[in-house]
Amino acid sequence: MTRMHRAQEKPERPHPTDATTLDRLGVGQTGRVLAISSDHSEPGRRLVERLGALGLVPGTAIRPLRRAPLGDPVVYRVCDFDLCLRAAQAALVTVSITAAIPTRPVDR
């Protein structure tokens, strides 16, 4: 490529510094979906389509509600319903952390 071609390419937008994957979001934290990726296989593509049909699209707020006793799967609050995802599925979703809700009252 020449310099002219490189200059015409759009630079890739990096994710914010507070970006993480959904499987790493802790109970009590709220995130906003940035992107959903897949491995470009047929099952991966179908999973991305299904998550989008359920409302898990960029810009959507999401919050982990509870984890199974062994940590997988996790129930998430999306829009006005609960969605249960395994860690491998949640790892495909990139989120930015928007808020942390205290899990216990603060002593004064």
PDB file of N, CA and C in Angstrom:
ATOM      1  N   MET A   1       0.827  -1.192   0.000  1.00  0.00           N
ATOM      2  CA  MET A   1       0.000   0.000   0.000  1.00  0.00           C
ATOM      3  C   MET A   1       0.865   1.247   0.000  1.00  0.00           C
ATOM      4  N   THR A   2       0.393   2.228  -0.644  1.00  0.00           N
ATOM      5  CA  THR A   2       1.103   3.502  -0.651  1.00  0.00           C
ATOM      6  C   THR A   2       0.632   4.352   0.513  1.00  0.00           C
ATOM      7  N   ARG A   3       1.346   5.426   0.732  1.00  0.00           N
ATOM      8  CA  ARG A   3       0.941   6.316   1.817  1.00  0.00           C
ATOM      9  C   ARG A   3      -0.429   6.909   1.565  1.00  0.00           C
ATOM     10  N   MET A   4      -0.738   7.173   0.309  1.00  0.00           N
ATOM     11  CA  MET A   4      -2.043   7.744  -0.014  1.00  0.00           C
ATOM     12  C   MET A   4      -3.155   6.789   0.405  1.00  0.00           C
ATOM     13  N   HIS A   5      -2.973   5.502   0.126  1.00  0.00           N
ATOM     14  CA  HIS A   5      -4.004   4.542   0.502  1.00  0.00           C
ATOM     15  C   HIS A   5      -4.132   4.412   2.011  1.00  0.00           C
ATOM     16  N   ARG A   6      -3.020   4.428   2.701  1.00  0.00           N
ATOM     17  CA  ARG A   6      -3.081   4.327   4.157  1.00  0.00           C
ATOM     18  C   ARG A   6      -3.788   5.534   4.756  1.00  0.00           C
ATOM     19  N   ALA A   7      -3.550   6.699   4.207  1.00  0.00           N
ATOM     20  CA  ALA A   7      -4.180   7.908   4.740  1.00  0.00           C
ATOM     21  C   ALA A   7      -5.684   7.900   4.505  1.00  0.00           C
ATOM     22  N   GLN A   8      -6.130   7.230   3.443  1.00  0.00           N
ATOM     23  CA  GLN A   8      -7.546   7.207   3.130  1.00  0.00           C
ATOM     24  C   GLN A   8      -8.299   6.178   3.959  1.00  0.00           C
ATOM     25  N   GLU A   9      -7.577   5.216   4.551  1.00  0.00           N
ATOM     26  CA  GLU A   9      -8.237   4.223   5.378  1.00  0.00           C
ATOM     27  C   GLU A   9      -8.752   4.876   6.649  1.00  0.00           C
ATOM     28  N   LYS A  10      -9.894   4.405   7.089  1.00  0.00           N
ATOM     29  CA  LYS A  10     -10.441   4.921   8.336  1.00  0.00           C
ATOM     30  C   LYS A  10      -9.738   4.230   9.496  1.00  0.00           C
ATOM     31  N   PRO A  11      -9.270   4.986  10.465  1.00  0.00           N
ATOM     32  CA  PRO A  11      -8.638   4.329  11.608  1.00  0.00           C
ATOM     33  C   PRO A  11      -9.678   3.564  12.413  1.00  0.00           C
ATOM     34  N   GLU A  12      -9.259   2.429  12.947  1.00  0.00           N
ATOM     35  CA  GLU A  12     -10.171   1.619  13.746  1.00  0.00           C
ATOM     36  C   GLU A  12     -10.387   2.313  15.085  1.00  0.00           C
ATOM     37  N   ARG A  13     -11.652   2.448  15.485  1.00  0.00           N
ATOM     38  CA  ARG A  13     -11.960   3.106  16.751  1.00  0.00           C
ATOM     39  C   ARG A  13     -11.685   2.144  17.889  1.00  0.00           C
ATOM     40  N   PRO A  14     -10.784   2.512  18.784  1.00  0.00           N
ATOM     41  CA  PRO A  14     -10.541   1.635  19.927  1.00  0.00           C
ATOM     42  C   PRO A  14     -11.702   1.697  20.899  1.00  0.00           C
ATOM     43  N   HIS A  15     -11.867   0.637  21.667  1.00  0.00           N
ATOM     44  CA  HIS A  15     -12.899   0.636  22.695  1.00  0.00           C
ATOM     45  C   HIS A  15     -12.448   1.519  23.847  1.00  0.00           C
ATOM     46  N   PRO A  16     -13.377   2.091  24.579  1.00  0.00           N
ATOM     47  CA  PRO A  16     -12.998   2.910  25.732  1.00  0.00           C
ATOM     48  C   PRO A  16     -12.161   2.100  26.717  1.00  0.00           C
ATOM     49  N   THR A  17     -11.414   2.808  27.562  1.00  0.00           N
ATOM     50  CA  THR A  17     -10.542   2.120  28.509  1.00  0.00           C
ATOM     51  C   THR A  17     -11.322   1.295  29.522  1.00  0.00           C
ATOM     52  N   ASP A  18     -12.593   1.622  29.732  1.00  0.00           N
ATOM     53  CA  ASP A  18     -13.399   0.849  30.674  1.00  0.00           C
ATOM     54  C   ASP A  18     -14.162  -0.279  29.985  1.00  0.00           C
ATOM     55  N   ALA A  19     -13.751  -0.633  28.775  1.00  0.00           N
ATOM     56  CA  ALA A  19     -14.425  -1.702  28.040  1.00  0.00           C
ATOM     57  C   ALA A  19     -13.944  -3.061  28.533  1.00  0.00           C
ATOM     58  N   THR A  20     -14.874  -3.985  28.588  1.00  0.00           N
ATOM     59  CA  THR A  20     -14.583  -5.354  28.986  1.00  0.00           C
ATOM     60  C   THR A  20     -15.576  -6.263  28.286  1.00  0.00           C
ATOM     61  N   THR A  21     -15.486  -7.538  28.536  1.00  0.00           N
ATOM     62  CA  THR A  21     -16.475  -8.444  27.970  1.00  0.00           C
ATOM     63  C   THR A  21     -17.550  -8.699  29.024  1.00  0.00           C
ATOM     64  N   LEU A  22     -18.712  -9.071  28.558  1.00  0.00           N
ATOM     65  CA  LEU A  22     -19.870  -9.239  29.432  1.00  0.00           C
ATOM     66  C   LEU A  22     -19.633 -10.289  30.513  1.00  0.00           C
ATOM     67  N   ASP A  23     -18.880 -11.339  30.200  1.00  0.00           N
ATOM     68  CA  ASP A  23     -18.631 -12.382  31.198  1.00  0.00           C
ATOM     69  C   ASP A  23     -17.792 -11.876  32.371  1.00  0.00           C
ATOM     70  N   ARG A  24     -17.127 -10.738  32.225  1.00  0.00           N
ATOM     71  CA  ARG A  24     -16.303 -10.164  33.304  1.00  0.00           C
ATOM     72  C   ARG A  24     -17.028  -9.083  34.091  1.00  0.00           C
ATOM     73  N   LEU A  25     -18.226  -8.733  33.681  1.00  0.00           N
ATOM     74  CA  LEU A  25     -19.008  -7.721  34.382  1.00  0.00           C
ATOM     75  C   LEU A  25     -19.535  -8.329  35.677  1.00  0.00           C
ATOM     76  N   GLY A  26     -19.311  -7.663  36.783  1.00  0.00           N
ATOM     77  CA  GLY A  26     -19.703  -8.195  38.076  1.00  0.00           C
ATOM     78  C   GLY A  26     -21.159  -7.908  38.405  1.00  0.00           C
ATOM     79  N   VAL A  27     -21.715  -8.735  39.281  1.00  0.00           N
ATOM     80  CA  VAL A  27     -23.078  -8.510  39.764  1.00  0.00           C
ATOM     81  C   VAL A  27     -23.092  -7.153  40.453  1.00  0.00           C
ATOM     82  N   GLY A  28     -24.061  -6.320  40.113  1.00  0.00           N
ATOM     83  CA  GLY A  28     -24.146  -4.980  40.675  1.00  0.00           C
ATOM     84  C   GLY A  28     -23.582  -3.912  39.755  1.00  0.00           C
ATOM     85  N   GLN A  29     -22.890  -4.313  38.681  1.00  0.00           N
ATOM     86  CA  GLN A  29     -22.385  -3.352  37.702  1.00  0.00           C
ATOM     87  C   GLN A  29     -23.354  -3.271  36.537  1.00  0.00           C
ATOM     88  N   THR A  30     -23.402  -2.130  35.911  1.00  0.00           N
ATOM     89  CA  THR A  30     -24.211  -1.960  34.710  1.00  0.00           C
ATOM     90  C   THR A  30     -23.282  -1.630  33.559  1.00  0.00           C
ATOM     91  N   GLY A  31     -23.561  -2.214  32.419  1.00  0.00           N
ATOM     92  CA  GLY A  31     -22.757  -1.956  31.233  1.00  0.00           C
ATOM     93  C   GLY A  31     -23.632  -1.579  30.061  1.00  0.00           C
ATOM     94  N   ARG A  32     -22.990  -1.042  29.039  1.00  0.00           N
ATOM     95  CA  ARG A  32     -23.669  -0.698  27.800  1.00  0.00           C
ATOM     96  C   ARG A  32     -22.969  -1.460  26.682  1.00  0.00           C
ATOM     97  N   VAL A  33     -23.743  -2.171  25.882  1.00  0.00           N
ATOM     98  CA  VAL A  33     -23.183  -3.005  24.816  1.00  0.00           C
ATOM     99  C   VAL A  33     -22.488  -2.126  23.787  1.00  0.00           C
ATOM    100  N   LEU A  34     -21.236  -2.477  23.484  1.00  0.00           N
ATOM    101  CA  LEU A  34     -20.481  -1.790  22.436  1.00  0.00           C
ATOM    102  C   LEU A  34     -20.491  -2.582  21.138  1.00  0.00           C
ATOM    103  N   ALA A  35     -20.318  -3.899  21.251  1.00  0.00           N
ATOM    104  CA  ALA A  35     -20.245  -4.744  20.052  1.00  0.00           C
ATOM    105  C   ALA A  35     -20.487  -6.197  20.430  1.00  0.00           C
ATOM    106  N   ILE A  36     -20.913  -6.965  19.447  1.00  0.00           N
ATOM    107  CA  ILE A  36     -21.046  -8.415  19.613  1.00  0.00           C
ATOM    108  C   ILE A  36     -20.230  -9.042  18.496  1.00  0.00           C
ATOM    109  N   SER A  37     -19.294  -9.892  18.865  1.00  0.00           N
ATOM    110  CA  SER A  37     -18.435 -10.520  17.868  1.00  0.00           C
ATOM    111  C   SER A  37     -18.772 -11.998  17.761  1.00  0.00           C
ATOM    112  N   SER A  38     -18.284 -12.614  16.705  1.00  0.00           N
ATOM    113  CA  SER A  38     -18.440 -14.058  16.559  1.00  0.00           C
ATOM    114  C   SER A  38     -17.213 -14.596  15.855  1.00  0.00           C
ATOM    115  N   ASP A  39     -17.102 -15.893  15.801  1.00  0.00           N
ATOM    116  CA  ASP A  39     -15.962 -16.519  15.133  1.00  0.00           C
ATOM    117  C   ASP A  39     -16.236 -16.730  13.641  1.00  0.00           C
ATOM    118  N   HIS A  40     -17.279 -16.144  13.121  1.00  0.00           N
ATOM    119  CA  HIS A  40     -17.683 -16.203  11.711  1.00  0.00           C
ATOM    120  C   HIS A  40     -18.103 -17.602  11.262  1.00  0.00           C
ATOM    121  N   SER A  41     -18.347 -18.494  12.208  1.00  0.00           N
ATOM    122  CA  SER A  41     -18.890 -19.799  11.852  1.00  0.00           C
ATOM    123  C   SER A  41     -20.409 -19.663  11.779  1.00  0.00           C
ATOM    124  N   GLU A  42     -21.051 -20.659  11.240  1.00  0.00           N
ATOM    125  CA  GLU A  42     -22.512 -20.624  11.145  1.00  0.00           C
ATOM    126  C   GLU A  42     -23.178 -20.555  12.521  1.00  0.00           C
ATOM    127  N   PRO A  43     -22.764 -21.381  13.495  1.00  0.00           N
ATOM    128  CA  PRO A  43     -23.377 -21.253  14.830  1.00  0.00           C
ATOM    129  C   PRO A  43     -23.090 -19.889  15.468  1.00  0.00           C
ATOM    130  N   GLY A  44     -21.887 -19.345  15.273  1.00  0.00           N
ATOM    131  CA  GLY A  44     -21.558 -18.033  15.823  1.00  0.00           C
ATOM    132  C   GLY A  44     -22.391 -16.932  15.213  1.00  0.00           C
ATOM    133  N   ARG A  45     -22.601 -17.008  13.913  1.00  0.00           N
ATOM    134  CA  ARG A  45     -23.426 -16.014  13.219  1.00  0.00           C
ATOM    135  C   ARG A  45     -24.870 -16.083  13.696  1.00  0.00           C
ATOM    136  N   ARG A  46     -25.376 -17.310  13.876  1.00  0.00           N
ATOM    137  CA  ARG A  46     -26.756 -17.470  14.358  1.00  0.00           C
ATOM    138  C   ARG A  46     -26.912 -16.946  15.776  1.00  0.00           C
ATOM    139  N   LEU A  47     -25.896 -17.152  16.617  1.00  0.00           N
ATOM    140  CA  LEU A  47     -25.954 -16.653  17.984  1.00  0.00           C
ATOM    141  C   LEU A  47     -26.012 -15.122  17.997  1.00  0.00           C
ATOM    142  N   VAL A  48     -25.192 -14.479  17.181  1.00  0.00           N
ATOM    143  CA  VAL A  48     -25.201 -13.015  17.102  1.00  0.00           C
ATOM    144  C   VAL A  48     -26.560 -12.524  16.622  1.00  0.00           C
ATOM    145  N   GLU A  49     -27.133 -13.163  15.627  1.00  0.00           N
ATOM    146  CA  GLU A  49     -28.464 -12.789  15.130  1.00  0.00           C
ATOM    147  C   GLU A  49     -29.519 -12.966  16.217  1.00  0.00           C
ATOM    148  N   ARG A  50     -29.440 -14.066  16.957  1.00  0.00           N
ATOM    149  CA  ARG A  50     -30.432 -14.341  18.008  1.00  0.00           C
ATOM    150  C   ARG A  50     -30.317 -13.322  19.140  1.00  0.00           C
ATOM    151  N   LEU A  51     -29.093 -12.990  19.550  1.00  0.00           N
ATOM    152  CA  LEU A  51     -28.906 -11.992  20.596  1.00  0.00           C
ATOM    153  C   LEU A  51     -29.439 -10.632  20.147  1.00  0.00           C
ATOM    154  N   GLY A  52     -29.230 -10.304  18.880  1.00  0.00           N
ATOM    155  CA  GLY A  52     -29.767  -9.053  18.344  1.00  0.00           C
ATOM    156  C   GLY A  52     -31.284  -9.054  18.337  1.00  0.00           C
ATOM    157  N   ALA A  53     -31.878 -10.190  17.999  1.00  0.00           N
ATOM    158  CA  ALA A  53     -33.342 -10.291  17.998  1.00  0.00           C
ATOM    159  C   ALA A  53     -33.909 -10.157  19.408  1.00  0.00           C
ATOM    160  N   LEU A  54     -33.119 -10.535  20.406  1.00  0.00           N
ATOM    161  CA  LEU A  54     -33.560 -10.418  21.793  1.00  0.00           C
ATOM    162  C   LEU A  54     -33.327  -9.014  22.357  1.00  0.00           C
ATOM    163  N   GLY A  55     -32.739  -8.136  21.563  1.00  0.00           N
ATOM    164  CA  GLY A  55     -32.524  -6.757  22.004  1.00  0.00           C
ATOM    165  C   GLY A  55     -31.117  -6.451  22.449  1.00  0.00           C
ATOM    166  N   LEU A  56     -30.215  -7.397  22.348  1.00  0.00           N
ATOM    167  CA  LEU A  56     -28.830  -7.180  22.739  1.00  0.00           C
ATOM    168  C   LEU A  56     -28.070  -6.597  21.549  1.00  0.00           C
ATOM    169  N   VAL A  57     -28.189  -5.290  21.387  1.00  0.00           N
ATOM    170  CA  VAL A  57     -27.571  -4.558  20.284  1.00  0.00           C
ATOM    171  C   VAL A  57     -26.722  -3.430  20.871  1.00  0.00           C
ATOM    172  N   PRO A  58     -25.773  -2.887  20.107  1.00  0.00           N
ATOM    173  CA  PRO A  58     -24.961  -1.787  20.618  1.00  0.00           C
ATOM    174  C   PRO A  58     -25.831  -0.653  21.166  1.00  0.00           C
ATOM    175  N   GLY A  59     -25.457  -0.198  22.367  1.00  0.00           N
ATOM    176  CA  GLY A  59     -26.199   0.869  23.031  1.00  0.00           C
ATOM    177  C   GLY A  59     -27.140   0.382  24.111  1.00  0.00           C
ATOM    178  N   THR A  60     -27.425  -0.911  24.151  1.00  0.00           N
ATOM    179  CA  THR A  60     -28.354  -1.474  25.126  1.00  0.00           C
ATOM    180  C   THR A  60     -27.685  -1.592  26.492  1.00  0.00           C
ATOM    181  N   ALA A  61     -28.401  -1.199  27.541  1.00  0.00           N
ATOM    182  CA  ALA A  61     -27.901  -1.365  28.913  1.00  0.00           C
ATOM    183  C   ALA A  61     -28.123  -2.802  29.347  1.00  0.00           C
ATOM    184  N   ILE A  62     -27.167  -3.349  30.091  1.00  0.00           N
ATOM    185  CA  ILE A  62     -27.250  -4.731  30.557  1.00  0.00           C
ATOM    186  C   ILE A  62     -26.625  -4.816  31.940  1.00  0.00           C
ATOM    187  N   ARG A  63     -27.214  -5.686  32.791  1.00  0.00           N
ATOM    188  CA  ARG A  63     -26.744  -5.803  34.168  1.00  0.00           C
ATOM    189  C   ARG A  63     -26.835  -7.250  34.616  1.00  0.00           C
ATOM    190  N   PRO A  64     -25.741  -7.824  35.137  1.00  0.00           N
ATOM    191  CA  PRO A  64     -25.816  -9.178  35.697  1.00  0.00           C
ATOM    192  C   PRO A  64     -26.646  -9.161  36.975  1.00  0.00           C
ATOM    193  N   LEU A  65     -27.606 -10.073  37.079  1.00  0.00           N
ATOM    194  CA  LEU A  65     -28.456 -10.159  38.265  1.00  0.00           C
ATOM    195  C   LEU A  65     -27.961 -11.198  39.253  1.00  0.00           C
ATOM    196  N   ARG A  66     -27.649 -12.399  38.751  1.00  0.00           N
ATOM    197  CA  ARG A  66     -27.191 -13.471  39.634  1.00  0.00           C
ATOM    198  C   ARG A  66     -26.428 -14.513  38.821  1.00  0.00           C
ATOM    199  N   ARG A  67     -25.545 -15.188  39.535  1.00  0.00           N
ATOM    200  CA  ARG A  67     -24.744 -16.248  38.936  1.00  0.00           C
ATOM    201  C   ARG A  67     -25.182 -17.591  39.506  1.00  0.00           C
ATOM    202  N   ALA A  68     -25.029 -18.634  38.713  1.00  0.00           N
ATOM    203  CA  ALA A  68     -25.294 -19.986  39.187  1.00  0.00           C
ATOM    204  C   ALA A  68     -24.262 -20.331  40.266  1.00  0.00           C
ATOM    205  N   PRO A  69     -24.534 -21.308  41.113  1.00  0.00           N
ATOM    206  CA  PRO A  69     -23.598 -21.643  42.195  1.00  0.00           C
ATOM    207  C   PRO A  69     -22.161 -21.906  41.740  1.00  0.00           C
ATOM    208  N   LEU A  70     -21.976 -22.487  40.579  1.00  0.00           N
ATOM    209  CA  LEU A  70     -20.628 -22.739  40.069  1.00  0.00           C
ATOM    210  C   LEU A  70     -20.142 -21.616  39.148  1.00  0.00           C
ATOM    211  N   GLY A  71     -20.901 -20.519  39.048  1.00  0.00           N
ATOM    212  CA  GLY A  71     -20.470 -19.352  38.283  1.00  0.00           C
ATOM    213  C   GLY A  71     -20.940 -19.294  36.847  1.00  0.00           C
ATOM    214  N   ASP A  72     -21.529 -20.347  36.331  1.00  0.00           N
ATOM    215  CA  ASP A  72     -21.954 -20.369  34.931  1.00  0.00           C
ATOM    216  C   ASP A  72     -23.220 -21.203  34.836  1.00  0.00           C
ATOM    217  N   PRO A  73     -24.301 -20.735  34.268  1.00  0.00           N
ATOM    218  CA  PRO A  73     -24.527 -19.488  33.541  1.00  0.00           C
ATOM    219  C   PRO A  73     -24.850 -18.313  34.473  1.00  0.00           C
ATOM    220  N   VAL A  74     -25.053 -17.153  33.846  1.00  0.00           N
ATOM    221  CA  VAL A  74     -25.373 -15.913  34.558  1.00  0.00           C
ATOM    222  C   VAL A  74     -26.673 -15.358  33.989  1.00  0.00           C
ATOM    223  N   VAL A  75     -27.514 -14.837  34.866  1.00  0.00           N
ATOM    224  CA  VAL A  75     -28.757 -14.197  34.443  1.00  0.00           C
ATOM    225  C   VAL A  75     -28.495 -12.700  34.339  1.00  0.00           C
ATOM    226  N   TYR A  76     -28.823 -12.112  33.191  1.00  0.00           N
ATOM    227  CA  TYR A  76     -28.621 -10.689  32.929  1.00  0.00           C
ATOM    228  C   TYR A  76     -29.968 -10.003  32.735  1.00  0.00           C
ATOM    229  N   ARG A  77     -30.060  -8.761  33.151  1.00  0.00           N
ATOM    230  CA  ARG A  77     -31.249  -7.938  32.894  1.00  0.00           C
ATOM    231  C   ARG A  77     -30.966  -7.137  31.623  1.00  0.00           C
ATOM    232  N   VAL A  78     -31.781  -7.368  30.596  1.00  0.00           N
ATOM    233  CA  VAL A  78     -31.676  -6.653  29.325  1.00  0.00           C
ATOM    234  C   VAL A  78     -33.042  -6.054  29.048  1.00  0.00           C
ATOM    235  N   CYS A  79     -33.089  -4.750  28.841  1.00  0.00           N
ATOM    236  CA  CYS A  79     -34.361  -4.047  28.625  1.00  0.00           C
ATOM    237  C   CYS A  79     -35.298  -4.381  29.790  1.00  0.00           C
ATOM    238  N   ASP A  80     -36.387  -5.083  29.536  1.00  0.00           N
ATOM    239  CA  ASP A  80     -37.334  -5.396  30.611  1.00  0.00           C
ATOM    240  C   ASP A  80     -37.495  -6.898  30.825  1.00  0.00           C
ATOM    241  N   PHE A  81     -36.465  -7.685  30.479  1.00  0.00           N
ATOM    242  CA  PHE A  81     -36.543  -9.127  30.700  1.00  0.00           C
ATOM    243  C   PHE A  81     -35.195  -9.668  31.150  1.00  0.00           C
ATOM    244  N   ASP A  82     -35.205 -10.887  31.654  1.00  0.00           N
ATOM    245  CA  ASP A  82     -33.987 -11.556  32.107  1.00  0.00           C
ATOM    246  C   ASP A  82     -33.517 -12.519  31.027  1.00  0.00           C
ATOM    247  N   LEU A  83     -32.209 -12.522  30.801  1.00  0.00           N
ATOM    248  CA  LEU A  83     -31.593 -13.357  29.776  1.00  0.00           C
ATOM    249  C   LEU A  83     -30.474 -14.151  30.425  1.00  0.00           C
ATOM    250  N   CYS A  84     -30.478 -15.456  30.224  1.00  0.00           N
ATOM    251  CA  CYS A  84     -29.464 -16.335  30.807  1.00  0.00           C
ATOM    252  C   CYS A  84     -28.454 -16.705  29.719  1.00  0.00           C
ATOM    253  N   LEU A  85     -27.174 -16.430  29.985  1.00  0.00           N
ATOM    254  CA  LEU A  85     -26.113 -16.732  29.019  1.00  0.00           C
ATOM    255  C   LEU A  85     -24.991 -17.499  29.699  1.00  0.00           C
ATOM    256  N   ARG A  86     -24.389 -18.403  28.974  1.00  0.00           N
ATOM    257  CA  ARG A  86     -23.189 -19.087  29.439  1.00  0.00           C
ATOM    258  C   ARG A  86     -21.992 -18.154  29.251  1.00  0.00           C
ATOM    259  N   ALA A  87     -20.908 -18.430  29.945  1.00  0.00           N
ATOM    260  CA  ALA A  87     -19.722 -17.576  29.893  1.00  0.00           C
ATOM    261  C   ALA A  87     -19.169 -17.464  28.471  1.00  0.00           C
ATOM    262  N   ALA A  88     -19.176 -18.555  27.720  1.00  0.00           N
ATOM    263  CA  ALA A  88     -18.656 -18.522  26.348  1.00  0.00           C
ATOM    264  C   ALA A  88     -19.485 -17.590  25.464  1.00  0.00           C
ATOM    265  N   GLN A  89     -20.784 -17.546  25.681  1.00  0.00           N
ATOM    266  CA  GLN A  89     -21.650 -16.650  24.914  1.00  0.00           C
ATOM    267  C   GLN A  89     -21.444 -15.206  25.358  1.00  0.00           C
ATOM    268  N   ALA A  90     -21.360 -14.987  26.667  1.00  0.00           N
ATOM    269  CA  ALA A  90     -21.183 -13.632  27.202  1.00  0.00           C
ATOM    270  C   ALA A  90     -19.821 -13.061  26.812  1.00  0.00           C
ATOM    271  N   ALA A  91     -18.831 -13.906  26.584  1.00  0.00           N
ATOM    272  CA  ALA A  91     -17.501 -13.438  26.204  1.00  0.00           C
ATOM    273  C   ALA A  91     -17.485 -12.801  24.812  1.00  0.00           C
ATOM    274  N   LEU A  92     -18.507 -13.047  24.023  1.00  0.00           N
ATOM    275  CA  LEU A  92     -18.591 -12.462  22.685  1.00  0.00           C
ATOM    276  C   LEU A  92     -19.104 -11.020  22.708  1.00  0.00           C
ATOM    277  N   VAL A  93     -19.624 -10.578  23.850  1.00  0.00           N
ATOM    278  CA  VAL A  93     -20.244  -9.254  23.963  1.00  0.00           C
ATOM    279  C   VAL A  93     -19.273  -8.298  24.648  1.00  0.00           C
ATOM    280  N   THR A  94     -18.906  -7.215  23.950  1.00  0.00           N
ATOM    281  CA  THR A  94     -18.047  -6.181  24.525  1.00  0.00           C
ATOM    282  C   THR A  94     -18.928  -5.088  25.093  1.00  0.00           C
ATOM    283  N   VAL A  95     -18.658  -4.704  26.346  1.00  0.00           N
ATOM    284  CA  VAL A  95     -19.463  -3.688  27.024  1.00  0.00           C
ATOM    285  C   VAL A  95     -18.554  -2.628  27.630  1.00  0.00           C
ATOM    286  N   SER A  96     -19.119  -1.447  27.831  1.00  0.00           N
ATOM    287  CA  SER A  96     -18.430  -0.426  28.618  1.00  0.00           C
ATOM    288  C   SER A  96     -19.152  -0.358  29.956  1.00  0.00           C
ATOM    289  N   ILE A  97     -18.387  -0.267  31.016  1.00  0.00           N
ATOM    290  CA  ILE A  97     -18.972  -0.210  32.356  1.00  0.00           C
ATOM    291  C   ILE A  97     -19.508   1.195  32.575  1.00  0.00           C
ATOM    292  N   THR A  98     -20.796   1.280  32.903  1.00  0.00           N
ATOM    293  CA  THR A  98     -21.420   2.593  33.064  1.00  0.00           C
ATOM    294  C   THR A  98     -21.711   2.942  34.502  1.00  0.00           C
ATOM    295  N   ALA A  99     -21.948   1.965  35.351  1.00  0.00           N
ATOM    296  CA  ALA A  99     -22.269   2.266  36.747  1.00  0.00           C
ATOM    297  C   ALA A  99     -22.073   1.034  37.603  1.00  0.00           C
ATOM    298  N   ALA A 100     -21.825   1.278  38.859  1.00  0.00           N
ATOM    299  CA  ALA A 100     -21.760   0.199  39.836  1.00  0.00           C
ATOM    300  C   ALA A 100     -22.797   0.484  40.907  1.00  0.00           C
ATOM    301  N   ILE A 101     -23.613  -0.499  41.192  1.00  0.00           N
ATOM    302  CA  ILE A 101     -24.652  -0.359  42.206  1.00  0.00           C
ATOM    303  C   ILE A 101     -24.124  -0.982  43.488  1.00  0.00           C
ATOM    304  N   PRO A 102     -24.111  -0.247  44.593  1.00  0.00           N
ATOM    305  CA  PRO A 102     -23.617  -0.841  45.836  1.00  0.00           C
ATOM    306  C   PRO A 102     -24.448  -2.056  46.226  1.00  0.00           C
ATOM    307  N   THR A 103     -23.770  -3.108  46.665  1.00  0.00           N
ATOM    308  CA  THR A 103     -24.477  -4.320  47.050  1.00  0.00           C
ATOM    309  C   THR A 103     -24.909  -4.294  48.500  1.00  0.00           C
ATOM    310  N   ARG A 104     -24.343  -3.404  49.301  1.00  0.00           N
ATOM    311  CA  ARG A 104     -24.757  -3.271  50.699  1.00  0.00           C
ATOM    312  C   ARG A 104     -24.718  -1.804  51.092  1.00  0.00           C
ATOM    313  N   PRO A 105     -25.467  -1.408  52.087  1.00  0.00           N
ATOM    314  CA  PRO A 105     -25.490  -0.005  52.481  1.00  0.00           C
ATOM    315  C   PRO A 105     -24.121   0.446  52.994  1.00  0.00           C
ATOM    316  N   VAL A 106     -23.823   1.688  52.768  1.00  0.00           N
ATOM    317  CA  VAL A 106     -22.566   2.269  53.215  1.00  0.00           C
ATOM    318  C   VAL A 106     -22.728   2.706  54.674  1.00  0.00           C
ATOM    319  N   ASP A 107     -21.772   2.316  55.524  1.00  0.00           N
ATOM    320  CA  ASP A 107     -21.807   2.723  56.936  1.00  0.00           C
ATOM    321  C   ASP A 107     -21.449   4.198  57.056  1.00  0.00           C
ATOM    322  N   ARG A 108     -22.185   4.903  57.880  1.00  0.00           N
ATOM    323  CA  ARG A 108     -21.903   6.341  58.089  1.00  0.00           C
ATOM    324  C   ARG A 108     -21.581   6.612  59.508  1.00  0.00           C
TER     325      ARG A 108
END
